[in-house]
Amino acid sequence: MAQAPSLPVSGAGTRHVPSLRRELGLPDLVLAQVLCVVGSSWVGVAARLGRAHVAFWLGAMLLFYLPLAAVVIHLNRLMPEEGGLYQWAKAGFGSAAGFLIAWNLWVYAVVCTGAIIFTVPTDIGYMIGPAGAWIPASRLATFAITAVVMAGIAAVAVRGLAASKLLHNAGSVMILTAYVILLGLPAWALWHGSLRHFDAFPWQPPPVSWFSLAVFGQMTTGALSGFEYVAILAGECRSAARTISQSVLISAPLIAVMFILGTSSVLAFAGSAPIDLIGPIPQTFRLALGAASLFAPLAIVLLAARSIAGASLLFTGLTRLPMTAGWDNLAPAWITRLHPRRRTPVNSILFVAAVVMILILLSMAGVREQEANQLLANASSTHYAIAYVALFALPLFGHPRLRARLPGWLKAVSAAGLASSLVSLLISVYPIVDVVSRRQYAAKIGGLVLLTNAAGAALYATARRRS
């Protein structure tokens, strides 16, 4: 049975917390951490920094990655509750702030899930080859494919974590396989003589520029984020206070090695050629093994399957946040109802699936949908940065009883994470791609974030009046 937070909560109503099935053990959580944190595009983003990428990775890990691991471990030990960051923020800052912080995380995850599913038709087109180029260009085909994928993810979610964790674990194994091949390519090429030199840990002082700062911001709350997301499912984990913390400790060094050596592998074969930021790993396979190699299509298959599994994991967390808000009477009661046999929030699953599909439909509307979709994706990252600012602020400015139960050194660690998150938040309005007007670009992102938070505040106020 998931328990209510033991720390004081401002404005919390009477909570009805039903029992949930505890399906996730330590191996599942380790694989879920890898699936949630490791993406395929970030090695391409980091490779744009050239030989300075190691300095940036180490800086981002020291100032954000390790502080995030430390804060998540300690907060999860204090409050291993279903809802994760929502419960922590509610206990540290009160009901209203907790709701808005969870709202920002929810908005980010909705957009991210839709964006991942939206890439599936493109992946299918690449797998088929030139004959499949029409698929992503067809709105009907795109909608049909994304609808089938979303229906499949929702059906697995209704069956519960006993079924969905198999999909998540398989996706994690696939991204690990893709990185094993990527990291092994330099050794293979050196042995065959097609590569003369490989520097696994190149070193160059990081250049000081707005571009470098923008990439650093993306590497923190983008590439190195996600440890806190699995904690949303704490009420469905076995020995959550212990196993979630252990999963972070096990996965953190593995993820660090994958990102640093993966970026070095991309650089070794791409050289001065333009790097495909969407598919740097398939591009590297083709450059290393030749256009006729079967490894590039294999990489696409692995990464596409990983994307679907990652979308499923994001979707699972998405459906739990409205449920836990409903326990506090901040969402309609129907959204908390569980499947009588599966013990899954079936109404919340159907609601979130509908929201994601509506978002995909909106992204397909108009002649400039790709630009609008990119702008929406960047704005969603800003919502994530807001959630991280709140997370790192908890040990520094949260409720006194919460701060008293955390070690003193965690405050210094949290200050580093807070500073990195603030940099990421402020620099998120600076584009790393060409735009017509940087000022208009920043105004659009800032306006969208203000609009969504105003909507969240209105929802909270309405719920409080109703309850």
Protein backbone atom coordinates (compact mmCIF):
# COMPACT_ATOMS: atom_id res chain seq x y z
CA MET A 1 0.00 0.00 0.00
CA ALA A 2 1.43 3.38 -0.97
CA GLN A 3 1.59 5.63 2.08
CA ALA A 4 0.84 9.35 2.37
CA PRO A 5 3.88 11.61 2.78
CA SER A 6 5.17 11.61 6.34
CA LEU A 7 6.26 15.24 6.13
CA PRO A 8 3.84 18.16 6.52
CA VAL A 9 1.85 19.07 3.46
CA SER A 10 0.14 22.42 3.10
CA GLY A 11 -3.40 22.33 1.86
CA ALA A 12 -3.67 18.58 1.31
CA GLY A 13 -7.15 17.15 1.47
CA THR A 14 -8.30 13.78 2.68
CA ARG A 15 -6.42 11.21 0.63
CA HIS A 16 -7.69 7.82 -0.47
CA VAL A 17 -4.66 5.79 -1.52
CA PRO A 18 -5.58 2.40 -3.00
CA SER A 19 -3.23 -0.55 -3.07
CA LEU A 20 -1.04 -0.97 -6.16
CA ARG A 21 0.78 -4.04 -7.40
CA ARG A 22 4.50 -3.91 -6.69
CA GLU A 23 5.90 -5.33 -9.92
CA LEU A 24 9.30 -3.61 -10.25
CA GLY A 25 12.47 -5.07 -8.76
CA LEU A 26 16.08 -3.84 -8.87
CA PRO A 27 16.96 -5.26 -12.35
CA ASP A 28 13.82 -3.68 -13.81
CA LEU A 29 14.68 -0.31 -12.25
CA VAL A 30 18.29 -0.34 -13.47
CA LEU A 31 17.12 -1.03 -17.03
CA ALA A 32 14.39 1.60 -16.67
CA GLN A 33 17.00 4.20 -15.59
CA VAL A 34 19.10 3.43 -18.68
CA LEU A 35 16.03 3.60 -20.92
CA CYS A 36 14.86 6.87 -19.39
CA VAL A 37 18.22 8.69 -19.41
CA VAL A 38 20.11 7.42 -22.46
CA GLY A 39 19.05 8.79 -25.83
CA SER A 40 20.62 8.31 -29.23
CA SER A 41 20.73 11.95 -30.35
CA TRP A 42 22.77 13.42 -27.49
CA VAL A 43 26.07 11.95 -28.69
CA GLY A 44 25.47 13.91 -31.89
CA VAL A 45 24.69 17.13 -30.03
CA ALA A 46 27.83 16.75 -27.91
CA ALA A 47 29.92 15.89 -30.97
CA ARG A 48 29.24 19.39 -32.30
CA LEU A 49 31.61 20.59 -29.57
CA GLY A 50 34.49 18.65 -31.12
CA ARG A 51 37.37 17.70 -28.84
CA ALA A 52 35.89 19.83 -26.06
CA HIS A 53 33.03 17.37 -25.55
CA VAL A 54 34.76 15.51 -22.70
CA ALA A 55 35.22 18.76 -20.77
CA PHE A 56 31.53 19.54 -21.27
CA TRP A 57 30.40 16.03 -20.30
CA LEU A 58 32.54 16.08 -17.14
CA GLY A 59 31.34 19.57 -16.24
CA ALA A 60 27.69 18.64 -16.76
CA MET A 61 28.13 15.45 -14.74
CA LEU A 62 29.90 17.24 -11.88
CA LEU A 63 27.45 20.16 -11.71
CA PHE A 64 24.18 18.38 -12.58
CA TYR A 65 24.34 14.60 -13.03
CA LEU A 66 25.91 13.67 -9.68
CA PRO A 67 23.88 16.27 -7.72
CA LEU A 68 20.71 14.90 -9.35
CA ALA A 69 21.62 11.34 -8.32
CA ALA A 70 22.35 12.45 -4.74
CA VAL A 71 19.15 14.48 -4.32
CA VAL A 72 16.93 11.80 -5.84
CA ILE A 73 18.47 9.09 -3.66
CA HIS A 74 17.94 11.04 -0.42
CA LEU A 75 14.44 12.35 -1.20
CA ASN A 76 13.33 8.89 -2.32
CA ARG A 77 14.62 7.37 0.92
CA LEU A 78 12.58 9.90 2.91
CA MET A 79 9.44 9.67 0.76
CA PRO A 80 9.25 6.52 -1.41
CA GLU A 81 5.79 7.53 -2.63
CA GLU A 82 3.84 6.97 -5.84
CA GLY A 83 4.10 10.27 -7.67
CA GLY A 84 7.78 10.93 -6.91
CA LEU A 85 8.62 14.59 -7.47
CA TYR A 86 4.97 15.59 -7.00
CA GLN A 87 4.96 14.16 -3.48
CA TRP A 88 8.39 15.62 -2.64
CA ALA A 89 7.48 19.10 -3.86
CA LYS A 90 4.12 18.98 -2.09
CA ALA A 91 5.81 18.07 1.20
CA GLY A 92 8.52 20.71 0.78
CA PHE A 93 6.64 23.64 -0.75
CA GLY A 94 2.94 22.94 -0.19
CA SER A 95 0.04 21.66 -2.21
CA ALA A 96 -0.15 24.49 -4.78
CA ALA A 97 3.56 24.46 -5.61
CA GLY A 98 3.60 20.67 -5.70
CA PHE A 99 0.75 20.65 -8.20
CA LEU A 100 2.38 23.24 -10.49
CA ILE A 101 5.77 21.48 -10.38
CA ALA A 102 4.10 18.18 -11.28
CA TRP A 103 2.13 20.04 -13.97
CA ASN A 104 5.36 21.23 -15.61
CA LEU A 105 6.75 17.69 -15.52
CA TRP A 106 3.48 16.35 -16.95
CA VAL A 107 3.39 18.89 -19.82
CA TYR A 108 7.00 18.05 -20.70
CA ALA A 109 6.31 14.32 -20.71
CA VAL A 110 3.13 14.64 -22.80
CA VAL A 111 4.95 16.59 -25.52
CA CYS A 112 7.98 14.29 -25.34
CA THR A 113 5.83 11.16 -25.66
CA GLY A 114 4.00 12.62 -28.65
CA ALA A 115 7.28 13.67 -30.28
CA ILE A 116 8.76 10.18 -29.86
CA ILE A 117 5.72 8.46 -31.33
CA PHE A 118 5.66 11.00 -34.17
CA THR A 119 9.11 9.81 -35.32
CA VAL A 120 8.00 6.19 -35.80
CA PRO A 121 6.72 6.69 -39.40
CA THR A 122 10.07 8.29 -40.31
CA ASP A 123 11.93 5.33 -38.79
CA ILE A 124 9.77 2.91 -40.76
CA GLY A 125 10.51 4.87 -43.94
CA TYR A 126 14.26 4.63 -43.28
CA MET A 127 14.02 0.90 -42.58
CA ILE A 128 12.20 0.23 -45.86
CA GLY A 129 14.54 2.46 -47.86
CA PRO A 130 13.75 4.71 -50.83
CA ALA A 131 10.49 2.85 -51.45
CA GLY A 132 9.25 3.94 -48.01
CA ALA A 133 10.01 7.64 -48.38
CA TRP A 134 6.32 8.40 -48.95
CA ILE A 135 5.30 7.15 -45.48
CA PRO A 136 6.43 10.11 -43.30
CA ALA A 137 5.29 12.52 -46.05
CA SER A 138 1.73 11.17 -45.90
CA ARG A 139 -0.42 12.62 -43.13
CA LEU A 140 -2.87 9.74 -43.37
CA ALA A 141 -0.13 7.12 -43.05
CA THR A 142 1.52 9.08 -40.24
CA PHE A 143 -1.71 9.36 -38.27
CA ALA A 144 -2.57 5.69 -38.82
CA ILE A 145 0.85 4.46 -37.69
CA THR A 146 1.02 6.75 -34.64
CA ALA A 147 -2.54 5.78 -33.65
CA VAL A 148 -1.66 2.07 -33.80
CA VAL A 149 1.51 2.64 -31.75
CA MET A 150 -0.38 4.73 -29.17
CA ALA A 151 -3.14 2.13 -28.93
CA GLY A 152 -0.54 -0.60 -28.39
CA ILE A 153 1.24 1.38 -25.66
CA ALA A 154 -2.08 2.10 -23.93
CA ALA A 155 -3.14 -1.57 -24.12
CA VAL A 156 0.15 -2.66 -22.54
CA ALA A 157 -0.25 0.02 -19.85
CA VAL A 158 -3.74 -1.26 -18.97
CA ARG A 159 -2.32 -4.75 -18.47
CA GLY A 160 0.04 -3.30 -15.87
CA LEU A 161 3.74 -3.13 -15.14
CA ALA A 162 4.03 -6.92 -15.21
CA ALA A 163 3.55 -6.61 -18.99
CA SER A 164 4.90 -3.12 -19.71
CA LYS A 165 8.17 -3.73 -17.86
CA LEU A 166 8.95 -6.47 -20.41
CA LEU A 167 8.66 -3.84 -23.15
CA HIS A 168 10.75 -1.37 -21.13
CA ASN A 169 13.44 -3.96 -20.38
CA ALA A 170 13.62 -5.02 -24.04
CA GLY A 171 13.98 -1.38 -25.12
CA SER A 172 16.77 -0.85 -22.62
CA VAL A 173 18.62 -3.93 -23.87
CA MET A 174 18.28 -2.62 -27.42
CA ILE A 175 19.77 0.80 -26.65
CA LEU A 176 22.57 -0.95 -24.76
CA THR A 177 23.18 -3.18 -27.81
CA ALA A 178 23.32 -0.16 -30.13
CA TYR A 179 25.88 1.52 -27.86
CA VAL A 180 27.97 -1.66 -27.55
CA ILE A 181 28.25 -1.71 -31.35
CA LEU A 182 28.97 2.04 -31.43
CA LEU A 183 31.68 1.80 -28.77
CA GLY A 184 33.24 -1.23 -30.45
CA LEU A 185 33.50 0.38 -33.91
CA PRO A 186 36.78 2.27 -33.26
CA ALA A 187 38.55 -0.92 -32.12
CA TRP A 188 37.20 -2.79 -35.15
CA ALA A 189 38.28 0.00 -37.52
CA LEU A 190 41.78 0.23 -35.96
CA TRP A 191 42.19 -3.52 -36.36
CA HIS A 192 41.13 -3.39 -40.03
CA GLY A 193 43.25 -0.32 -40.74
CA SER A 194 40.34 1.91 -41.80
CA LEU A 195 40.96 4.18 -38.81
CA ARG A 196 44.47 5.38 -38.03
CA HIS A 197 43.92 6.91 -34.62
CA PHE A 198 41.23 6.97 -31.94
CA ASP A 199 41.27 9.28 -28.93
CA ALA A 200 38.70 7.97 -26.47
CA PHE A 201 39.08 10.92 -24.11
CA PRO A 202 40.10 13.94 -26.17
CA TRP A 203 40.77 17.09 -24.22
CA GLN A 204 40.30 20.71 -25.19
CA PRO A 205 39.31 23.61 -22.93
CA PRO A 206 35.63 24.45 -23.42
CA PRO A 207 35.12 27.57 -25.56
CA VAL A 208 33.21 30.44 -23.97
CA SER A 209 30.23 31.42 -26.13
CA TRP A 210 26.44 31.55 -26.07
CA PHE A 211 26.38 28.47 -28.30
CA SER A 212 28.53 26.51 -25.83
CA LEU A 213 26.30 27.58 -22.96
CA ALA A 214 23.18 26.54 -24.91
CA VAL A 215 24.65 23.10 -25.63
CA PHE A 216 25.66 22.75 -21.97
CA GLY A 217 22.06 23.51 -20.98
CA GLN A 218 20.79 20.80 -23.31
CA MET A 219 23.34 18.30 -22.01
CA THR A 220 22.15 18.79 -18.42
CA THR A 221 18.34 18.83 -18.32
CA GLY A 222 18.26 17.05 -21.69
CA ALA A 223 20.88 14.33 -21.96
CA LEU A 224 21.63 13.69 -18.27
CA SER A 225 18.12 13.97 -16.86
CA GLY A 226 15.63 11.29 -15.90
CA PHE A 227 16.74 9.72 -12.60
CA GLU A 228 13.76 11.28 -10.82
CA TYR A 229 11.22 10.00 -13.34
CA VAL A 230 11.33 6.36 -12.24
CA ALA A 231 10.51 7.50 -8.68
CA ILE A 232 7.01 8.35 -9.92
CA LEU A 233 6.41 4.59 -9.83
CA ALA A 234 7.68 4.15 -6.25
CA GLY A 235 4.33 2.81 -5.08
CA GLU A 236 4.71 -0.03 -7.60
CA CYS A 237 8.31 -0.93 -6.70
CA ARG A 238 9.43 -3.61 -4.28
CA SER A 239 11.32 -1.99 -1.36
CA ALA A 240 11.20 1.37 -3.15
CA ALA A 241 13.30 3.27 -0.61
CA ARG A 242 16.20 0.88 -1.22
CA THR A 243 15.86 -0.36 -4.81
CA ILE A 244 15.34 3.01 -6.54
CA SER A 245 18.45 4.37 -4.82
CA GLN A 246 20.45 1.29 -5.78
CA SER A 247 19.29 1.55 -9.39
CA VAL A 248 20.65 5.11 -9.58
CA LEU A 249 24.02 4.07 -8.14
CA ILE A 250 24.34 1.16 -10.59
CA SER A 251 23.16 2.93 -13.73
CA ALA A 252 24.92 6.30 -13.25
CA PRO A 253 28.51 5.20 -14.10
CA LEU A 254 27.28 3.01 -16.96
CA ILE A 255 25.38 5.91 -18.51
CA ALA A 256 28.38 8.25 -18.12
CA VAL A 257 30.65 5.84 -20.02
CA MET A 258 28.06 5.36 -22.77
CA PHE A 259 27.74 9.10 -23.40
CA ILE A 260 31.45 10.02 -23.32
CA LEU A 261 32.79 7.11 -25.36
CA GLY A 262 29.77 7.22 -27.68
CA THR A 263 30.49 10.86 -28.53
CA SER A 264 34.17 10.03 -29.17
CA SER A 265 33.12 7.23 -31.54
CA VAL A 266 30.87 9.58 -33.50
CA LEU A 267 33.69 12.12 -33.80
CA ALA A 268 36.20 9.46 -34.89
CA PHE A 269 34.21 8.65 -38.03
CA ALA A 270 32.33 11.89 -38.72
CA GLY A 271 35.45 14.05 -38.54
CA SER A 272 34.64 17.47 -40.00
CA ALA A 273 31.55 16.20 -41.86
CA PRO A 274 28.12 17.51 -40.80
CA ILE A 275 26.68 15.40 -37.98
CA ASP A 276 23.11 14.16 -38.23
CA LEU A 277 21.62 15.35 -34.94
CA ILE A 278 18.55 13.13 -35.38
CA GLY A 279 20.37 9.90 -36.19
CA PRO A 280 24.07 10.19 -35.28
CA ILE A 281 24.41 6.49 -34.46
CA PRO A 282 23.06 5.13 -37.81
CA GLN A 283 25.16 7.80 -39.56
CA THR A 284 28.28 6.58 -37.73
CA PHE A 285 27.51 2.97 -38.64
CA ARG A 286 27.27 3.89 -42.32
CA LEU A 287 30.49 5.94 -42.23
CA ALA A 288 32.38 3.17 -40.44
CA LEU A 289 31.02 0.14 -42.28
CA GLY A 290 29.93 1.53 -45.64
CA ALA A 291 26.58 2.34 -47.18
CA ALA A 292 25.89 -1.31 -47.99
CA SER A 293 26.36 -2.45 -44.38
CA LEU A 294 23.43 -4.07 -42.66
CA PHE A 295 24.41 -2.49 -39.36
CA ALA A 296 22.87 0.89 -40.20
CA PRO A 297 19.37 -0.59 -40.74
CA LEU A 298 19.98 -2.70 -37.61
CA ALA A 299 20.75 0.46 -35.64
CA ILE A 300 17.55 2.05 -36.92
CA VAL A 301 15.55 -0.99 -35.84
CA LEU A 302 17.19 -1.01 -32.39
CA LEU A 303 16.74 2.70 -31.85
CA ALA A 304 13.15 2.71 -33.17
CA ALA A 305 12.22 -0.13 -30.80
CA ARG A 306 13.98 1.71 -27.98
CA SER A 307 11.97 4.85 -28.82
CA ILE A 308 8.68 2.98 -28.55
CA ALA A 309 9.76 1.43 -25.23
CA GLY A 310 10.89 4.85 -23.97
CA ALA A 311 7.55 6.36 -24.97
CA SER A 312 5.83 3.56 -23.05
CA LEU A 313 7.88 4.32 -19.92
CA LEU A 314 7.13 8.06 -20.21
CA PHE A 315 3.46 7.23 -20.77
CA THR A 316 3.39 5.05 -17.66
CA GLY A 317 4.64 7.92 -15.50
CA LEU A 318 2.25 10.31 -17.24
CA THR A 319 -0.74 8.25 -16.19
CA ARG A 320 0.36 8.10 -12.54
CA LEU A 321 0.68 11.85 -11.98
CA PRO A 322 -3.04 12.61 -12.57
CA MET A 323 -3.92 9.60 -10.41
CA THR A 324 -1.88 10.83 -7.45
CA ALA A 325 -3.27 14.36 -7.89
CA GLY A 326 -6.73 12.79 -7.77
CA TRP A 327 -5.86 11.21 -4.43
CA ASP A 328 -5.47 14.78 -3.12
CA ASN A 329 -8.80 15.85 -4.65
CA LEU A 330 -6.95 17.98 -7.22
CA ALA A 331 -8.23 15.97 -10.20
CA PRO A 332 -11.62 14.37 -10.91
CA ALA A 333 -12.30 11.22 -8.93
CA TRP A 334 -12.87 9.15 -12.08
CA ILE A 335 -9.21 9.54 -13.04
CA THR A 336 -8.14 7.60 -9.92
CA ARG A 337 -10.25 4.52 -10.61
CA LEU A 338 -8.26 1.34 -11.01
CA HIS A 339 -8.89 -1.66 -13.21
CA PRO A 340 -10.63 -4.20 -10.93
CA ARG A 341 -8.16 -6.99 -11.78
CA ARG A 342 -5.03 -5.28 -13.14
CA ARG A 343 -4.99 -2.48 -10.50
CA THR A 344 -3.95 0.05 -13.15
CA PRO A 345 -5.42 3.58 -13.56
CA VAL A 346 -7.36 2.70 -16.69
CA ASN A 347 -9.26 6.01 -16.94
CA SER A 348 -6.06 8.00 -16.59
CA ILE A 349 -4.44 5.81 -19.27
CA LEU A 350 -7.26 6.46 -21.74
CA PHE A 351 -7.28 10.19 -20.95
CA VAL A 352 -3.53 10.64 -21.46
CA ALA A 353 -3.60 8.56 -24.67
CA ALA A 354 -6.28 10.87 -26.05
CA VAL A 355 -4.25 13.97 -25.08
CA VAL A 356 -1.13 12.62 -26.83
CA MET A 357 -3.06 11.83 -30.02
CA ILE A 358 -4.66 15.29 -30.02
CA LEU A 359 -1.16 16.78 -29.72
CA ILE A 360 0.04 14.69 -32.67
CA LEU A 361 -2.94 15.86 -34.74
CA LEU A 362 -2.20 19.49 -33.90
CA SER A 363 1.45 19.05 -34.86
CA MET A 364 0.31 17.83 -38.30
CA ALA A 365 -1.89 20.87 -38.91
CA GLY A 366 -0.69 23.72 -41.13
CA VAL A 367 2.05 24.02 -43.71
CA ARG A 368 4.81 24.76 -41.20
CA GLU A 369 4.05 21.99 -38.72
CA GLN A 370 7.71 20.93 -38.43
CA GLU A 371 8.76 24.38 -37.22
CA ALA A 372 5.85 24.55 -34.78
CA ASN A 373 6.63 21.05 -33.51
CA GLN A 374 10.28 21.97 -32.94
CA LEU A 375 9.26 25.11 -31.05
CA LEU A 376 6.84 23.08 -28.91
CA ALA A 377 9.55 20.51 -28.17
CA ASN A 378 11.97 23.22 -27.02
CA ALA A 379 9.26 24.78 -24.87
CA SER A 380 8.61 21.38 -23.26
CA SER A 381 12.29 21.20 -22.28
CA THR A 382 11.80 24.53 -20.52
CA HIS A 383 9.02 22.94 -18.46
CA TYR A 384 11.45 20.17 -17.49
CA ALA A 385 14.05 22.73 -16.42
CA ILE A 386 11.42 24.39 -14.19
CA ALA A 387 10.77 21.04 -12.51
CA TYR A 388 14.51 20.60 -11.91
CA VAL A 389 14.87 24.07 -10.42
CA ALA A 390 12.18 23.07 -7.92
CA LEU A 391 13.79 19.67 -7.24
CA PHE A 392 17.18 21.15 -6.36
CA ALA A 393 15.54 23.95 -4.37
CA LEU A 394 13.92 21.45 -1.97
CA PRO A 395 17.05 20.77 0.17
CA LEU A 396 17.83 24.51 0.19
CA PHE A 397 14.46 26.22 0.66
CA GLY A 398 11.95 23.46 1.42
CA HIS A 399 9.99 22.95 4.64
CA PRO A 400 12.29 23.14 7.71
CA ARG A 401 11.36 19.61 8.80
CA LEU A 402 12.30 18.31 5.37
CA ARG A 403 15.64 20.13 5.37
CA ALA A 404 16.38 18.91 8.90
CA ARG A 405 16.19 15.29 7.73
CA LEU A 406 18.68 15.77 4.89
CA PRO A 407 22.49 15.75 5.36
CA GLY A 408 24.20 19.15 5.41
CA TRP A 409 26.51 18.37 2.48
CA LEU A 410 23.48 17.80 0.26
CA LYS A 411 22.80 21.55 0.34
CA ALA A 412 26.10 22.33 -1.41
CA VAL A 413 25.42 19.59 -3.94
CA SER A 414 21.91 20.92 -4.50
CA ALA A 415 23.26 24.44 -5.02
CA ALA A 416 25.39 23.17 -7.93
CA GLY A 417 22.40 21.38 -9.45
CA LEU A 418 20.20 24.43 -8.93
CA ALA A 419 22.71 26.70 -10.68
CA SER A 420 22.98 24.29 -13.63
CA SER A 421 19.20 24.03 -13.89
CA LEU A 422 18.83 27.81 -13.83
CA VAL A 423 21.40 28.11 -16.63
CA SER A 424 19.49 25.50 -18.61
CA LEU A 425 16.19 27.28 -17.96
CA LEU A 426 17.47 30.72 -18.97
CA ILE A 427 19.43 29.52 -22.01
CA SER A 428 16.55 27.35 -23.28
CA VAL A 429 15.24 30.34 -25.21
CA TYR A 430 18.52 30.59 -27.15
CA PRO A 431 18.34 28.51 -30.37
CA ILE A 432 21.27 26.30 -31.44
CA VAL A 433 19.83 26.14 -34.97
CA ASP A 434 19.18 28.96 -37.44
CA VAL A 435 15.96 30.90 -36.86
CA VAL A 436 14.45 33.96 -38.47
CA SER A 437 14.51 36.02 -35.26
CA ARG A 438 16.08 34.98 -31.98
CA ARG A 439 14.01 37.56 -30.11
CA GLN A 440 10.73 36.22 -31.53
CA TYR A 441 11.89 32.66 -30.87
CA ALA A 442 12.53 33.48 -27.21
CA ALA A 443 9.24 35.36 -26.90
CA LYS A 444 7.27 32.42 -28.31
CA ILE A 445 8.84 29.91 -25.92
CA GLY A 446 8.46 32.23 -22.92
CA GLY A 447 4.85 33.01 -23.84
CA LEU A 448 3.95 29.33 -24.27
CA VAL A 449 5.46 28.41 -20.90
CA LEU A 450 3.60 31.26 -19.18
CA LEU A 451 0.36 30.19 -20.88
CA THR A 452 0.64 26.54 -19.82
CA ASN A 453 1.50 27.48 -16.23
CA ALA A 454 -1.43 29.88 -16.11
CA ALA A 455 -3.63 26.99 -17.25
CA GLY A 456 -2.15 24.79 -14.52
CA ALA A 457 -2.79 27.45 -11.87
CA ALA A 458 -6.39 27.79 -13.06
CA LEU A 459 -6.89 24.02 -12.86
CA TYR A 460 -5.52 23.96 -9.32
CA ALA A 461 -7.72 26.87 -8.21
CA THR A 462 -10.79 25.21 -9.70
CA ALA A 463 -9.98 21.91 -7.98
CA ARG A 464 -9.48 23.61 -4.61
CA ARG A 465 -12.81 25.41 -4.89
CA ARG A 466 -14.53 22.16 -5.86
CA SER A 467 -13.00 20.20 -2.97
